[in-house]
Amino acid sequence: MMLRDGEQAAVTVTGALWAVLDSALFASALGRLVWHVRQVQKRERGFFGRELLLEIPGVLVGFVAGRAVANYLGLEDSAAQGLVLIVSYLGPDGFQALLDKYLQREPKR
């Protein structure tokens, strides 16, 4: 079955869209967006504003930190993306609190 140019372009665009949606960077952005929306719901910030732009470094940090932890734990694909989303949602303060709690736990005997 031969595809016409328009159909081929639609298939290419759809494939590219799925590739973006299935990436860890998108998961990181989604995690920070969910956190941002929670702050808007609590009326601690407006949706559009400089705070939204200031989330961009958080997306990148969450992506790098989440991928590093996922790699350390041996996670791949969806599991790694889920971890990236969680790390991004928590942000630096939440991740630090989680890490402190983990490091202060009693070792198993």
N, C-alpha and C. Protein backbone atom coordinates (compact mmCIF):
# COMPACT_ATOMS: atom_id res chain seq x y z
N MET A 1 0.85 -1.17 0.00
CA MET A 1 0.00 0.00 0.00
C MET A 1 0.90 1.24 0.00
N MET A 2 0.69 2.08 -0.94
CA MET A 2 1.48 3.30 -1.08
C MET A 2 0.78 4.46 -0.37
N LEU A 3 1.55 5.25 0.36
CA LEU A 3 1.00 6.42 1.03
C LEU A 3 1.27 7.66 0.17
N ARG A 4 0.29 8.53 0.13
CA ARG A 4 0.49 9.80 -0.56
C ARG A 4 1.33 10.70 0.32
N ASP A 5 1.82 11.80 -0.25
CA ASP A 5 2.71 12.71 0.50
C ASP A 5 2.07 13.21 1.78
N GLY A 6 0.81 13.59 1.73
CA GLY A 6 0.11 14.10 2.92
C GLY A 6 -0.02 13.04 3.99
N GLU A 7 -0.32 11.81 3.56
CA GLU A 7 -0.45 10.72 4.52
C GLU A 7 0.91 10.37 5.13
N GLN A 8 1.96 10.40 4.31
CA GLN A 8 3.31 10.12 4.80
C GLN A 8 3.73 11.16 5.83
N ALA A 9 3.41 12.43 5.57
CA ALA A 9 3.74 13.51 6.50
C ALA A 9 2.99 13.32 7.81
N ALA A 10 1.72 12.91 7.74
CA ALA A 10 0.94 12.69 8.95
C ALA A 10 1.53 11.55 9.78
N VAL A 11 1.96 10.49 9.10
CA VAL A 11 2.58 9.36 9.80
C VAL A 11 3.89 9.81 10.46
N THR A 12 4.68 10.61 9.77
CA THR A 12 5.94 11.10 10.31
C THR A 12 5.72 11.99 11.52
N VAL A 13 4.75 12.91 11.43
CA VAL A 13 4.45 13.81 12.54
C VAL A 13 3.93 13.02 13.73
N THR A 14 3.05 12.06 13.49
CA THR A 14 2.50 11.24 14.57
C THR A 14 3.62 10.45 15.26
N GLY A 15 4.52 9.89 14.48
CA GLY A 15 5.65 9.14 15.05
C GLY A 15 6.54 10.04 15.89
N ALA A 16 6.80 11.24 15.40
CA ALA A 16 7.63 12.18 16.15
C ALA A 16 6.95 12.60 17.45
N LEU A 17 5.63 12.82 17.39
CA LEU A 17 4.88 13.21 18.59
C LEU A 17 4.94 12.10 19.64
N TRP A 18 4.75 10.85 19.23
CA TRP A 18 4.84 9.74 20.18
C TRP A 18 6.23 9.59 20.76
N ALA A 19 7.25 9.87 19.96
CA ALA A 19 8.63 9.79 20.46
C ALA A 19 8.86 10.82 21.55
N VAL A 20 8.33 12.02 21.38
CA VAL A 20 8.47 13.07 22.39
C VAL A 20 7.71 12.70 23.65
N LEU A 21 6.46 12.25 23.48
CA LEU A 21 5.64 11.90 24.64
C LEU A 21 6.19 10.70 25.40
N ASP A 22 7.00 9.88 24.75
CA ASP A 22 7.56 8.70 25.38
C ASP A 22 8.99 8.93 25.85
N SER A 23 9.33 10.17 26.15
CA SER A 23 10.70 10.47 26.55
C SER A 23 10.76 10.85 28.03
N ALA A 24 11.92 10.65 28.61
CA ALA A 24 12.12 10.99 30.02
C ALA A 24 12.11 12.51 30.22
N LEU A 25 12.54 13.26 29.22
CA LEU A 25 12.51 14.73 29.34
C LEU A 25 11.07 15.22 29.42
N PHE A 26 10.16 14.62 28.65
CA PHE A 26 8.75 14.97 28.75
C PHE A 26 8.20 14.60 30.13
N ALA A 27 8.61 13.45 30.65
CA ALA A 27 8.17 13.04 31.99
C ALA A 27 8.64 14.04 33.04
N SER A 28 9.85 14.55 32.87
CA SER A 28 10.38 15.55 33.78
C SER A 28 9.56 16.84 33.71
N ALA A 29 9.25 17.27 32.50
CA ALA A 29 8.44 18.48 32.33
C ALA A 29 7.05 18.29 32.91
N LEU A 30 6.48 17.11 32.74
CA LEU A 30 5.16 16.83 33.28
C LEU A 30 5.18 16.85 34.81
N GLY A 31 6.23 16.30 35.40
CA GLY A 31 6.35 16.32 36.87
C GLY A 31 6.40 17.74 37.41
N ARG A 32 7.19 18.61 36.79
CA ARG A 32 7.27 20.00 37.25
C ARG A 32 5.97 20.74 36.98
N LEU A 33 5.28 20.41 35.87
CA LEU A 33 4.00 21.06 35.56
C LEU A 33 2.95 20.69 36.60
N VAL A 34 2.90 19.42 37.00
CA VAL A 34 1.95 19.00 38.02
C VAL A 34 2.23 19.74 39.33
N TRP A 35 3.49 19.89 39.70
CA TRP A 35 3.84 20.62 40.92
C TRP A 35 3.43 22.09 40.80
N HIS A 36 3.67 22.68 39.64
CA HIS A 36 3.31 24.08 39.40
C HIS A 36 1.80 24.26 39.51
N VAL A 37 1.04 23.35 38.94
CA VAL A 37 -0.42 23.44 39.01
C VAL A 37 -0.89 23.34 40.46
N ARG A 38 -0.26 22.50 41.26
CA ARG A 38 -0.63 22.41 42.69
C ARG A 38 -0.39 23.75 43.40
N GLN A 39 0.69 24.44 43.06
CA GLN A 39 0.97 25.74 43.65
C GLN A 39 -0.08 26.76 43.20
N VAL A 40 -0.53 26.67 41.96
CA VAL A 40 -1.57 27.57 41.45
C VAL A 40 -2.88 27.29 42.18
N GLN A 41 -3.21 26.02 42.39
CA GLN A 41 -4.44 25.65 43.08
C GLN A 41 -4.44 26.15 44.52
N LYS A 42 -3.28 26.19 45.15
CA LYS A 42 -3.18 26.70 46.52
C LYS A 42 -3.09 28.23 46.54
N ARG A 43 -3.18 28.85 45.36
CA ARG A 43 -3.12 30.30 45.19
C ARG A 43 -1.81 30.90 45.68
N GLU A 44 -0.73 30.12 45.55
CA GLU A 44 0.59 30.62 45.92
C GLU A 44 1.31 31.26 44.74
N ARG A 45 0.75 31.10 43.53
CA ARG A 45 1.32 31.72 42.34
C ARG A 45 0.28 31.67 41.23
N GLY A 46 0.47 32.52 40.22
CA GLY A 46 -0.39 32.50 39.05
C GLY A 46 0.13 31.47 38.07
N PHE A 47 -0.75 31.02 37.17
CA PHE A 47 -0.31 29.99 36.24
C PHE A 47 0.74 30.54 35.28
N PHE A 48 0.41 31.67 34.65
CA PHE A 48 1.37 32.28 33.73
C PHE A 48 2.13 33.36 34.47
N GLY A 49 3.41 33.32 34.38
CA GLY A 49 4.24 34.31 35.05
C GLY A 49 5.68 33.84 35.06
N ARG A 50 6.50 34.62 35.77
CA ARG A 50 7.92 34.27 35.79
C ARG A 50 8.18 32.95 36.50
N GLU A 51 7.29 32.56 37.42
CA GLU A 51 7.48 31.29 38.12
C GLU A 51 7.45 30.11 37.15
N LEU A 52 6.60 30.22 36.12
CA LEU A 52 6.52 29.14 35.14
C LEU A 52 7.83 29.03 34.37
N LEU A 53 8.43 30.16 34.03
CA LEU A 53 9.73 30.14 33.35
C LEU A 53 10.83 29.62 34.26
N LEU A 54 10.71 29.89 35.55
CA LEU A 54 11.72 29.43 36.49
C LEU A 54 11.65 27.93 36.74
N GLU A 55 10.63 27.27 36.23
CA GLU A 55 10.53 25.81 36.34
C GLU A 55 11.43 25.10 35.32
N ILE A 56 11.88 25.82 34.29
CA ILE A 56 12.71 25.19 33.25
C ILE A 56 13.99 24.58 33.83
N PRO A 57 14.73 25.29 34.68
CA PRO A 57 15.90 24.62 35.29
C PRO A 57 15.51 23.41 36.14
N GLY A 58 14.35 23.47 36.78
CA GLY A 58 13.87 22.33 37.56
C GLY A 58 13.60 21.11 36.69
N VAL A 59 13.10 21.36 35.48
CA VAL A 59 12.87 20.27 34.53
C VAL A 59 14.19 19.61 34.17
N LEU A 60 15.19 20.43 33.88
CA LEU A 60 16.48 19.88 33.48
C LEU A 60 17.18 19.16 34.62
N VAL A 61 17.14 19.74 35.81
CA VAL A 61 17.74 19.09 36.99
C VAL A 61 17.02 17.78 37.30
N GLY A 62 15.70 17.81 37.26
CA GLY A 62 14.93 16.59 37.51
C GLY A 62 15.22 15.51 36.50
N PHE A 63 15.40 15.92 35.25
CA PHE A 63 15.72 14.95 34.19
C PHE A 63 17.07 14.31 34.44
N VAL A 64 18.09 15.13 34.71
CA VAL A 64 19.44 14.59 34.91
C VAL A 64 19.51 13.74 36.18
N ALA A 65 18.95 14.26 37.27
CA ALA A 65 19.00 13.51 38.54
C ALA A 65 18.17 12.23 38.45
N GLY A 66 17.01 12.31 37.85
CA GLY A 66 16.16 11.13 37.72
C GLY A 66 16.79 10.06 36.85
N ARG A 67 17.40 10.46 35.74
CA ARG A 67 18.06 9.50 34.87
C ARG A 67 19.27 8.87 35.58
N ALA A 68 19.99 9.68 36.37
CA ALA A 68 21.15 9.15 37.09
C ALA A 68 20.71 8.10 38.11
N VAL A 69 19.66 8.41 38.87
CA VAL A 69 19.17 7.45 39.87
C VAL A 69 18.62 6.20 39.18
N ALA A 70 17.89 6.40 38.08
CA ALA A 70 17.34 5.25 37.34
C ALA A 70 18.46 4.37 36.81
N ASN A 71 19.51 4.99 36.31
CA ASN A 71 20.66 4.23 35.82
C ASN A 71 21.32 3.46 36.95
N TYR A 72 21.49 4.11 38.10
CA TYR A 72 22.09 3.47 39.27
C TYR A 72 21.27 2.26 39.72
N LEU A 73 19.94 2.40 39.67
CA LEU A 73 19.05 1.32 40.10
C LEU A 73 18.83 0.27 39.01
N GLY A 74 19.33 0.54 37.80
CA GLY A 74 19.17 -0.41 36.71
C GLY A 74 17.79 -0.37 36.07
N LEU A 75 17.09 0.73 36.19
CA LEU A 75 15.76 0.86 35.61
C LEU A 75 15.86 1.28 34.15
N GLU A 76 14.92 0.82 33.36
CA GLU A 76 14.90 1.18 31.95
C GLU A 76 13.48 1.57 31.53
N ASP A 77 13.39 2.23 30.41
CA ASP A 77 12.14 2.56 29.73
C ASP A 77 11.12 3.22 30.66
N SER A 78 9.95 2.60 30.79
CA SER A 78 8.85 3.22 31.54
C SER A 78 9.17 3.39 33.02
N ALA A 79 9.88 2.45 33.59
CA ALA A 79 10.24 2.57 35.00
C ALA A 79 11.16 3.77 35.22
N ALA A 80 12.11 3.96 34.33
CA ALA A 80 13.02 5.11 34.42
C ALA A 80 12.25 6.41 34.23
N GLN A 81 11.32 6.43 33.28
CA GLN A 81 10.52 7.63 33.05
C GLN A 81 9.66 7.96 34.26
N GLY A 82 9.10 6.94 34.89
CA GLY A 82 8.31 7.16 36.10
C GLY A 82 9.15 7.74 37.22
N LEU A 83 10.35 7.23 37.37
CA LEU A 83 11.25 7.76 38.40
C LEU A 83 11.63 9.21 38.10
N VAL A 84 11.89 9.52 36.83
CA VAL A 84 12.20 10.89 36.44
C VAL A 84 11.04 11.81 36.77
N LEU A 85 9.82 11.37 36.49
CA LEU A 85 8.64 12.18 36.80
C LEU A 85 8.55 12.44 38.30
N ILE A 86 8.76 11.41 39.12
CA ILE A 86 8.67 11.57 40.57
C ILE A 86 9.76 12.52 41.08
N VAL A 87 10.98 12.34 40.62
CA VAL A 87 12.08 13.21 41.05
C VAL A 87 11.80 14.65 40.64
N SER A 88 11.28 14.85 39.43
CA SER A 88 10.97 16.20 38.97
C SER A 88 9.83 16.81 39.78
N TYR A 89 8.83 16.01 40.11
CA TYR A 89 7.72 16.51 40.92
C TYR A 89 8.20 16.94 42.30
N LEU A 90 9.06 16.14 42.89
CA LEU A 90 9.57 16.47 44.22
C LEU A 90 10.44 17.71 44.20
N GLY A 91 11.17 17.91 43.14
CA GLY A 91 12.07 19.06 43.06
C GLY A 91 13.28 18.86 43.94
N PRO A 92 14.18 19.83 43.97
CA PRO A 92 15.41 19.68 44.75
C PRO A 92 15.16 19.51 46.25
N ASP A 93 14.24 20.27 46.81
CA ASP A 93 13.99 20.17 48.26
C ASP A 93 13.36 18.84 48.64
N GLY A 94 12.38 18.41 47.87
CA GLY A 94 11.73 17.13 48.16
C GLY A 94 12.67 15.96 47.96
N PHE A 95 13.49 16.02 46.92
CA PHE A 95 14.44 14.95 46.67
C PHE A 95 15.50 14.89 47.76
N GLN A 96 15.95 16.06 48.23
CA GLN A 96 16.93 16.11 49.31
C GLN A 96 16.34 15.51 50.59
N ALA A 97 15.09 15.84 50.91
CA ALA A 97 14.43 15.28 52.09
C ALA A 97 14.32 13.76 51.98
N LEU A 98 13.96 13.27 50.79
CA LEU A 98 13.86 11.83 50.58
C LEU A 98 15.22 11.15 50.71
N LEU A 99 16.24 11.77 50.16
CA LEU A 99 17.59 11.22 50.24
C LEU A 99 18.09 11.20 51.69
N ASP A 100 17.85 12.29 52.45
CA ASP A 100 18.24 12.33 53.86
C ASP A 100 17.57 11.22 54.65
N LYS A 101 16.27 11.03 54.40
CA LYS A 101 15.53 9.99 55.10
C LYS A 101 16.11 8.61 54.78
N TYR A 102 16.47 8.40 53.52
CA TYR A 102 17.04 7.13 53.10
C TYR A 102 18.40 6.89 53.76
N LEU A 103 19.22 7.92 53.80
CA LEU A 103 20.57 7.76 54.35
C LEU A 103 20.57 7.63 55.88
N GLN A 104 19.53 8.09 56.55
CA GLN A 104 19.48 8.03 58.01
C GLN A 104 18.80 6.75 58.51
N ARG A 105 18.31 5.91 57.62
CA ARG A 105 17.61 4.71 58.05
C ARG A 105 18.59 3.73 58.71
N GLU A 106 18.06 2.89 59.54
CA GLU A 106 18.86 1.87 60.20
C GLU A 106 19.21 0.76 59.22
N PRO A 107 20.47 0.36 59.17
CA PRO A 107 20.83 -0.74 58.25
C PRO A 107 20.19 -2.05 58.71
N LYS A 108 19.79 -2.87 57.75
CA LYS A 108 19.21 -4.18 58.08
C LYS A 108 20.31 -5.13 58.52
N ARG A 109 19.99 -5.96 59.48
CA ARG A 109 20.97 -6.92 59.99
C ARG A 109 20.69 -8.29 59.50
